[in-house]
Protein backbone atom coordinates (compact mmCIF):
# COMPACT_ATOMS: atom_id res chain seq x y z
CA MET A 1 -23.63 1.37 14.44
CA ASN A 2 -21.07 -0.45 12.36
CA PRO A 3 -20.83 -4.07 13.83
CA GLY A 4 -17.15 -4.13 13.38
CA GLU A 5 -16.79 -1.31 15.81
CA ASP A 6 -18.56 -2.89 18.76
CA THR A 7 -15.88 -5.76 19.14
CA SER A 8 -13.87 -5.44 22.25
CA PRO A 9 -10.41 -7.41 22.84
CA GLU A 10 -12.34 -9.61 25.20
CA LEU A 11 -14.99 -10.66 22.54
CA TRP A 12 -12.59 -11.27 20.09
CA SER A 13 -10.27 -13.40 22.38
CA ALA A 14 -13.28 -15.19 23.68
CA ILE A 15 -14.05 -16.09 20.12
CA TRP A 16 -10.65 -17.45 19.14
CA ARG A 17 -10.63 -19.51 22.01
CA LEU A 18 -14.04 -20.87 21.27
CA ALA A 19 -12.94 -21.78 17.54
CA ASP A 20 -9.66 -23.21 18.65
CA ALA A 21 -11.87 -25.77 20.91
CA TRP A 22 -13.74 -26.41 17.96
CA SER A 23 -10.66 -26.86 15.95
CA GLN A 24 -9.33 -29.59 17.81
CA THR A 25 -12.58 -31.74 17.21
CA PRO A 26 -12.70 -34.95 15.44
CA VAL A 27 -15.55 -33.76 13.16
CA VAL A 28 -14.11 -30.44 12.49
CA GLN A 29 -10.66 -31.97 11.44
CA GLU A 30 -12.18 -34.44 9.41
CA PHE A 31 -14.29 -31.82 7.40
CA ALA A 32 -12.02 -29.36 7.31
CA ALA A 33 -9.45 -31.58 5.51
CA THR A 34 -11.52 -31.73 2.39
CA LEU A 35 -12.05 -28.11 1.95
CA PRO A 36 -10.16 -26.63 -1.42
CA ARG A 37 -8.50 -23.69 1.05
CA ASN A 38 -6.86 -26.19 3.00
CA LEU A 39 -5.41 -28.19 0.21
CA PRO A 40 -2.05 -27.05 -1.45
CA LEU A 41 -2.17 -25.02 -4.23
CA HIS A 42 -1.71 -27.36 -7.03
CA GLU A 43 -4.69 -29.22 -5.97
CA ARG A 44 -6.55 -26.37 -6.27
CA GLY A 45 -8.20 -24.76 -9.25
CA ASP A 46 -8.42 -26.92 -12.43
CA LYS A 47 -6.49 -29.44 -10.73
CA ALA A 48 -9.21 -30.15 -8.03
CA VAL A 49 -11.52 -33.02 -8.16
CA GLY A 50 -14.51 -34.58 -6.47
CA ILE A 51 -15.96 -32.60 -3.30
CA PRO A 52 -12.88 -29.81 -3.46
CA ALA A 53 -13.92 -29.23 -7.06
CA LEU A 54 -17.89 -28.90 -6.13
CA VAL A 55 -17.28 -26.55 -3.37
CA GLU A 56 -14.78 -24.27 -5.47
CA HIS A 57 -17.12 -24.07 -8.46
CA LEU A 58 -20.30 -22.88 -6.01
CA GLU A 59 -17.93 -20.57 -4.22
CA GLY A 60 -17.00 -19.09 -7.70
CA HIS A 61 -20.47 -18.76 -8.59
CA ALA A 62 -22.59 -18.04 -5.40
CA ARG A 63 -19.69 -16.83 -3.03
CA MET A 64 -21.92 -14.90 -0.91
CA MET A 65 -24.49 -17.32 -0.11
CA MET A 66 -21.40 -19.83 0.98
CA LYS A 67 -21.39 -19.79 4.68
CA PRO A 68 -18.17 -21.91 5.94
CA LEU A 69 -20.69 -23.54 8.60
CA MET A 70 -23.55 -23.55 6.45
CA TYR A 71 -22.80 -25.98 3.95
CA ALA A 72 -24.97 -28.66 4.52
CA SER A 73 -27.96 -26.39 3.87
CA ARG A 74 -26.48 -23.73 1.44
CA ILE A 75 -25.09 -26.59 -1.17
CA PRO A 76 -28.35 -28.76 -1.83
CA ALA A 77 -30.12 -25.70 -2.22
CA LEU A 78 -27.57 -24.02 -5.01
CA LEU A 79 -27.50 -27.74 -6.45
CA ASP A 80 -31.13 -27.04 -7.30
CA GLN A 81 -30.82 -23.38 -8.77
CA PRO A 82 -31.33 -23.94 -12.71
CA LEU A 83 -28.70 -20.99 -13.56
CA LEU A 84 -25.75 -22.84 -11.70
CA ALA A 85 -26.44 -26.27 -13.50
CA GLY A 86 -25.42 -25.14 -16.72
CA PHE A 87 -21.94 -23.61 -15.68
CA GLY A 88 -19.80 -26.62 -15.85
CA MET A 89 -21.00 -28.41 -12.51
CA PRO A 90 -18.22 -30.79 -11.54
CA VAL A 91 -19.31 -34.37 -11.40
CA VAL A 92 -19.33 -35.97 -7.71
CA ASP A 93 -20.32 -39.42 -6.44
CA GLN A 94 -23.78 -39.03 -5.10
CA GLY A 95 -22.51 -41.53 -2.11
CA GLU A 96 -19.66 -39.55 -1.52
CA LEU A 97 -21.39 -36.09 -1.57
CA ASP A 98 -24.44 -37.52 0.86
CA LYS A 99 -21.19 -38.67 3.24
CA TRP A 100 -19.88 -35.09 3.16
CA LEU A 101 -22.87 -33.27 3.84
CA GLN A 102 -23.87 -35.62 6.72
CA MET A 103 -20.59 -34.45 8.25
CA ALA A 104 -21.37 -30.86 7.37
CA ALA A 105 -24.71 -31.13 8.80
CA LYS A 106 -23.11 -31.81 12.27
CA LEU A 107 -21.38 -28.53 12.25
CA GLU A 108 -24.13 -26.73 11.03
CA GLY A 109 -26.51 -28.56 13.85
CA ALA A 110 -23.27 -27.44 16.65
CA HIS A 111 -23.29 -23.89 15.38
CA TRP A 112 -27.20 -23.36 14.93
CA SER A 113 -26.90 -24.56 18.79
CA THR A 114 -24.21 -22.38 19.88
CA LEU A 115 -26.24 -19.29 18.15
CA GLY A 116 -29.48 -20.01 19.57
CA TRP A 117 -27.87 -20.21 23.32
CA LEU A 118 -25.84 -17.28 22.73
CA ARG A 119 -28.71 -15.24 21.30
CA SER A 120 -30.90 -16.62 24.39
CA SER A 121 -29.14 -14.10 26.95
CA LEU A 122 -30.90 -11.11 25.36
CA ALA A 123 -33.12 -9.24 27.26
CA GLY A 124 -36.77 -10.19 27.12
CA TYR A 125 -36.30 -14.05 25.77
CA PRO A 126 -37.72 -15.78 24.75
CA ILE A 127 -40.43 -13.19 23.63
CA LEU A 128 -38.56 -10.90 21.51
CA ARG A 129 -40.84 -8.07 19.98
CA ALA A 130 -38.55 -7.44 17.03
CA PRO A 131 -40.67 -7.06 13.61
CA GLN A 132 -37.44 -8.82 12.09
CA LEU A 133 -38.58 -11.92 13.57
CA ALA A 134 -42.13 -12.05 11.56
CA PRO A 135 -42.39 -15.35 8.90
CA SER A 136 -40.35 -15.19 5.82
CA THR A 137 -38.23 -12.57 6.62
CA PRO A 138 -34.33 -12.76 5.79
CA LEU A 139 -33.82 -13.88 9.41
CA THR A 140 -36.56 -16.53 9.38
CA THR A 141 -36.95 -17.77 6.16
CA GLY A 142 -36.37 -21.39 5.05
CA GLU A 143 -35.60 -20.19 1.67
CA MET A 144 -31.86 -18.63 0.58
CA THR A 145 -30.66 -15.71 2.82
CA LEU A 146 -27.45 -14.13 3.57
CA ARG A 147 -28.28 -14.06 7.14
CA TYR A 148 -28.10 -16.90 9.90
CA ILE A 149 -31.81 -17.44 10.49
CA TRP A 150 -33.63 -17.38 14.01
CA ARG A 151 -35.28 -20.57 13.85
CA LYS A 152 -38.85 -20.59 15.56
CA GLN A 153 -37.74 -23.99 17.41
CA GLU A 154 -35.25 -22.23 19.27
CA PHE A 155 -37.67 -20.10 21.42
CA ALA A 156 -39.26 -23.42 22.82
CA SER A 157 -35.91 -24.86 23.62
CA GLY A 158 -35.14 -23.48 27.20
CA LEU A 159 -32.03 -22.48 25.45
CA ASN A 160 -31.85 -19.34 28.22
CA GLN A 161 -31.88 -22.20 30.96
CA ARG A 162 -29.08 -24.21 29.85
CA ALA A 163 -25.50 -23.54 31.15
CA ALA A 164 -24.06 -24.35 27.58
CA PRO A 165 -24.85 -24.85 23.99
CA PRO A 166 -26.51 -28.53 23.78
CA SER A 167 -25.44 -31.21 22.03
CA VAL A 168 -22.35 -29.24 20.54
CA PRO A 169 -19.58 -31.78 22.10
CA ASP A 170 -21.77 -34.90 20.66
CA LEU A 171 -22.18 -33.37 17.51
CA LEU A 172 -18.01 -32.61 17.36
CA GLY A 173 -16.94 -36.01 18.67
CA ALA A 174 -15.13 -34.41 21.52
CA ASP A 175 -14.22 -36.39 24.44
CA SER A 176 -14.75 -35.48 27.90
CA MET A 177 -12.11 -33.01 28.30
CA GLY A 178 -12.84 -31.64 24.87
CA ALA A 179 -16.26 -31.07 25.63
CA SER A 180 -15.51 -29.45 28.88
CA GLN A 181 -13.31 -26.81 26.92
CA LEU A 182 -15.96 -26.41 24.37
CA ASP A 183 -18.77 -25.40 27.22
CA GLN A 184 -16.29 -22.92 28.91
CA ALA A 185 -15.41 -21.44 25.85
CA ALA A 186 -18.75 -20.64 24.97
CA ARG A 187 -19.71 -19.39 28.20
CA GLU A 188 -16.71 -16.76 28.15
CA VAL A 189 -18.32 -15.51 24.77
CA SER A 190 -21.70 -15.05 26.06
CA GLN A 191 -20.07 -13.19 29.04
CA ALA A 192 -18.24 -10.89 26.62
CA LEU A 193 -21.36 -10.31 24.27
CA THR A 194 -23.45 -9.38 26.92
CA LYS A 195 -20.98 -6.18 27.85
CA SER A 196 -21.18 -5.37 24.23
CA GLN A 197 -22.71 -1.86 23.42
CA ALA A 198 -25.20 -3.67 21.30
CA TRP A 199 -26.45 -5.71 23.95
CA VAL A 200 -26.57 -2.86 26.66
CA ASP A 201 -28.54 -1.05 24.31
CA PHE A 202 -30.94 -3.66 23.50
CA ASP A 203 -31.49 -3.98 27.20
CA ALA A 204 -32.26 -0.13 27.67
CA ALA A 205 -34.36 -0.29 24.35
CA LEU A 206 -36.79 -3.08 25.87
CA ALA A 207 -37.15 -1.30 29.36
CA ALA A 208 -38.36 2.08 27.43
CA LEU A 209 -41.19 0.10 25.32
CA ASP A 210 -44.32 1.61 25.99
CA GLU A 211 -47.91 0.25 25.13
CA ASP A 212 -48.18 2.19 22.23
CA ALA A 213 -44.66 1.00 21.03
CA LYS A 214 -45.27 -2.38 21.85
CA ALA A 215 -48.61 -2.10 19.51
CA ALA A 216 -46.50 -0.42 16.32
CA LEU A 217 -44.39 -3.63 16.86
CA ARG A 218 -46.94 -6.06 16.48
CA ALA A 219 -48.77 -3.88 13.80
CA ALA A 220 -45.38 -4.25 11.61
CA ARG A 221 -44.85 -7.78 12.33
CA ARG A 222 -48.65 -8.04 11.19
CA GLU A 223 -47.86 -6.09 7.91
CA LEU A 224 -44.53 -8.49 7.09
CA LYS A 225 -46.45 -11.35 7.62
CA GLU A 226 -49.16 -10.30 5.11
CA ARG A 227 -46.16 -8.54 2.63
CA LEU A 228 -43.85 -11.59 2.45
CA SER A 229 -46.64 -14.55 2.37
CA ALA A 230 -45.79 -17.42 -0.05
CA ASP A 231 -48.28 -15.67 -2.27
CA ALA A 232 -47.14 -12.45 -1.84
CA VAL A 233 -43.20 -13.80 -2.70
CA ASP A 234 -44.08 -16.07 -5.88
CA ASP A 235 -45.80 -12.67 -7.31
CA HIS A 236 -42.51 -11.01 -7.08
CA GLU A 237 -40.21 -13.72 -8.14
CA PRO A 238 -41.59 -17.61 -8.68
CA ASN A 239 -38.30 -19.49 -9.11
CA LEU A 240 -34.90 -17.71 -8.42
CA ALA A 241 -33.66 -17.79 -4.86
CA LEU A 242 -31.73 -14.48 -5.29
CA PRO A 243 -34.50 -12.02 -6.22
CA ARG A 244 -36.61 -13.65 -3.79
CA ALA A 245 -33.97 -12.87 -0.84
CA GLU A 246 -33.34 -9.31 -2.15
CA TYR A 247 -37.38 -8.80 -2.19
CA ARG A 248 -37.25 -10.03 1.62
CA SER A 249 -34.95 -7.84 2.86
CA HIS A 250 -36.05 -4.71 1.08
CA THR A 251 -39.51 -5.22 2.42
CA MET A 252 -38.24 -6.07 5.69
CA ASN A 253 -36.04 -2.85 5.54
CA GLU A 254 -38.85 -0.59 4.48
CA VAL A 255 -41.24 -1.69 7.59
CA VAL A 256 -38.64 -1.15 9.92
CA GLU A 257 -37.73 2.17 8.83
CA SER A 258 -41.44 3.14 8.81
CA LEU A 259 -41.50 2.61 12.74
CA LEU A 260 -41.17 5.83 15.06
CA GLY A 261 -39.91 6.78 18.78
CA PRO A 262 -39.29 3.67 21.14
CA ALA A 263 -40.34 1.19 18.45
CA ARG A 264 -37.81 2.05 15.87
CA VAL A 265 -35.17 2.43 18.80
CA TYR A 266 -35.76 -1.17 19.86
CA ALA A 267 -36.16 -2.33 16.36
CA ASP A 268 -32.76 -0.81 15.47
CA ALA A 269 -31.17 -2.03 18.63
CA PHE A 270 -32.21 -5.88 17.79
CA GLY A 271 -30.81 -5.28 14.21
CA GLU A 272 -27.25 -3.91 15.90
CA VAL A 273 -27.33 -7.37 17.81
CA ASP A 274 -28.28 -9.82 14.86
CA ARG A 275 -25.66 -8.23 12.91
CA LEU A 276 -22.81 -8.10 15.68
CA LEU A 277 -23.49 -12.09 15.96
CA ASP A 278 -23.88 -12.66 12.38
CA LEU A 279 -20.21 -10.78 11.76
CA THR A 280 -18.55 -12.08 15.00
CA MET A 281 -20.19 -15.81 15.62
CA GLY A 282 -21.16 -16.03 12.25
CA ASP A 283 -18.87 -15.40 9.44
CA ILE A 284 -15.44 -14.65 11.49
CA PHE A 285 -16.36 -17.71 13.79
CA GLY A 286 -16.76 -20.15 10.72
CA GLU A 287 -13.61 -18.79 8.88
CA LEU A 288 -11.66 -19.53 11.99
CA VAL A 289 -12.86 -22.87 13.08
CA LEU A 290 -12.59 -24.22 9.49
CA PHE A 291 -9.36 -22.54 8.10
CA GLY A 292 -7.44 -21.65 11.53
CA GLU A 293 -5.26 -18.73 11.77
CA PRO A 294 -5.15 -16.11 9.27
CA TRP A 295 -2.46 -15.97 6.65
CA GLN A 296 -0.33 -12.54 6.80
CA ILE A 297 0.08 -11.32 3.43
CA SER A 298 2.58 -9.03 1.53
CA VAL A 299 0.32 -5.90 0.14
CA PHE A 300 0.42 -2.83 -1.59
CA ASN A 301 -1.25 0.61 -2.86
CA VAL A 302 -3.01 0.85 0.68
CA GLU A 303 -6.17 2.57 0.81
CA THR A 304 -6.58 3.28 4.55
CA PRO A 305 -10.05 3.42 6.24
CA VAL A 306 -12.27 6.88 6.53
CA PRO A 307 -13.58 7.48 9.74
CA GLY A 308 -16.82 5.42 10.46
CA GLU A 309 -16.11 2.82 7.93
CA PRO A 310 -13.40 0.61 8.60
CA ILE A 311 -12.94 -0.60 4.83
CA VAL A 312 -9.38 -0.88 3.68
CA GLY A 313 -8.39 -1.19 0.05
CA PHE A 314 -5.13 -2.91 -1.27
CA GLU A 315 -3.60 -4.84 -3.68
CA THR A 316 -1.38 -8.32 -3.67
CA LYS A 317 0.70 -10.68 -5.97
CA PRO A 318 0.72 -13.38 -7.19
CA ILE A 319 -1.47 -14.97 -4.31
CA GLY A 320 -3.90 -12.61 -5.21
CA PRO A 321 -6.57 -15.51 -7.36
CA PHE A 322 -5.93 -17.65 -4.50
CA LEU A 323 -7.56 -15.40 -1.62
CA ALA A 324 -11.19 -15.75 -1.17
CA THR A 325 -13.99 -13.27 -0.21
CA GLY A 326 -14.69 -13.53 3.43
CA GLN A 327 -11.10 -14.88 4.38
CA ILE A 328 -9.51 -13.20 7.22
CA LEU A 329 -5.88 -11.90 6.50
CA TRP A 330 -3.19 -10.11 8.30
CA LEU A 331 -1.86 -7.06 6.40
CA THR A 332 1.98 -6.15 6.37
CA THR A 333 1.51 -2.46 6.57
CA GLN A 334 1.88 -0.39 9.82
CA ALA A 335 -1.23 1.37 8.76
CA ILE A 336 -3.76 -1.51 9.98
CA ALA A 337 -2.75 -3.34 13.24
CA ASP A 338 -5.92 -5.49 13.09
CA ALA A 339 -6.95 -8.31 11.08
CA ALA A 340 -9.06 -7.64 8.08
CA ARG A 341 -11.67 -9.92 6.26
CA ILE A 342 -12.09 -9.73 2.43
CA GLU A 343 -15.36 -8.01 1.40
CA SER A 344 -14.60 -8.06 -2.31
CA HIS A 345 -12.27 -8.66 -5.20
CA THR A 346 -11.88 -7.13 -8.47
CA MET A 347 -9.27 -7.45 -11.43
CA ASN A 348 -7.80 -4.44 -12.95
CA MET A 349 -5.90 -3.90 -16.10
CA ASP A 350 -2.86 -2.18 -15.73
CA GLN A 351 -0.70 -0.91 -19.11
CA VAL A 352 2.37 -1.19 -16.84
CA GLU A 353 1.86 -4.11 -14.13
CA GLY A 354 -0.45 -6.27 -16.10
CA MET A 355 -3.36 -7.72 -14.45
CA GLN A 356 -4.01 -6.64 -10.79
CA ASP A 357 -5.89 -7.73 -8.08
CA ARG A 358 -7.79 -5.24 -5.86
CA PHE A 359 -9.25 -6.21 -2.73
CA GLU A 360 -11.52 -4.07 -0.06
CA ALA A 361 -11.40 -5.74 3.54
CA ARG A 362 -13.16 -4.95 6.60
CA ILE A 363 -10.94 -4.00 9.72
CA LEU A 364 -11.90 -6.38 12.54
CA VAL A 365 -11.52 -4.01 15.17
CA ASN A 366 -9.23 -4.85 18.41
CA THR A 367 -8.22 -8.39 16.70
CA GLY A 368 -4.53 -7.22 17.00
CA GLU A 369 -4.87 -6.47 20.76
CA ALA A 370 -7.06 -9.79 21.16
CA TRP A 371 -5.28 -12.44 18.87
CA PRO A 372 -1.87 -14.50 18.70
CA ALA A 373 0.75 -12.48 16.29
CA PRO A 374 0.66 -14.40 12.97
CA THR A 375 2.92 -17.19 12.32
CA THR A 376 2.49 -17.57 8.77
CA GLN A 377 3.20 -15.34 6.11
CA ILE A 378 2.60 -15.93 2.29
CA SER A 379 5.56 -13.72 0.65
CA SER A 380 5.11 -12.08 -2.91
CA LYS A 381 8.17 -11.91 -5.06
CA ASP A 382 6.64 -9.56 -7.07
CA ASP A 383 5.84 -6.76 -4.25
CA PRO A 384 6.84 -3.66 -5.82
CA GLN A 385 7.39 -2.42 -1.85
């Protein structure tokens, strides 16, 4: 199942309300004001200085790793990468950077608390048998990864006994009314998630496990623990973060795909739950929290999705260079009623039109029904339509 196809209007509505509650807190507002995408266009690009310049630089060279609510952990790790240090890294006062990262850490901590609490509603929690949760996989590593990790301490925190994600209001600086709104909105997201097909399938997969399947899952974890040991990963690549991350992902997928019967169904069901959370409460939630309402933009040369793969292709100008991978947009085409998240950006040279910005975006199914109509439209004076 594609995670984008398991998103009900109720889930998207709940996520919008939770993001809105977060966006009204003092810490989010102060932090969001520093991000380059929230600055006027004339203060971006080569006009950016300080923190905005640093964020733009890192997004330009390591876009996939720059998750909106993970700057506190991602940016220090990226600054340690030798391949990035030589690419004209902007100079930022260390005191200013440290203060900014402390604020980012509050957001990241609140997000981890929320994700952990939502995960705790899974059947069987805190005893989850998924091999993907073996040490050092992309879902558990302390190193660079594209995924939102499942931290070991979450499972011993009694999150499934809590009425709402702990510490979030304090971390975000919310007052008593804001705290109540945050807690209630989180509960609504949890209720919507537990009704999703991914959650229902995981419940059924757990109930279908027999002793042989449980043994197979334990063996898969042991295999992953051995193949992803520190020595094994170092043998593959001792220093560079991206090749190490790719090795972890390949190895984990290989072991999961070797499973059979109910053990494979369980591992696959867990993978669907994780991907659904990554998309909705990871990438999309972070975008809504820090950047607010998606822009509506004029598009042309639209390629509509094929069945089973909700990806749309389009071109736009002159705003194209200012759009970011991961950004959510409304597209001005009758063919697409839902919002879409940019997955890739390429530049093509046309002999007549000149340089063209070409995008592929994932359609966020049912957002058109769930989210408010757009109020911010970015016009294109050169739109050939």
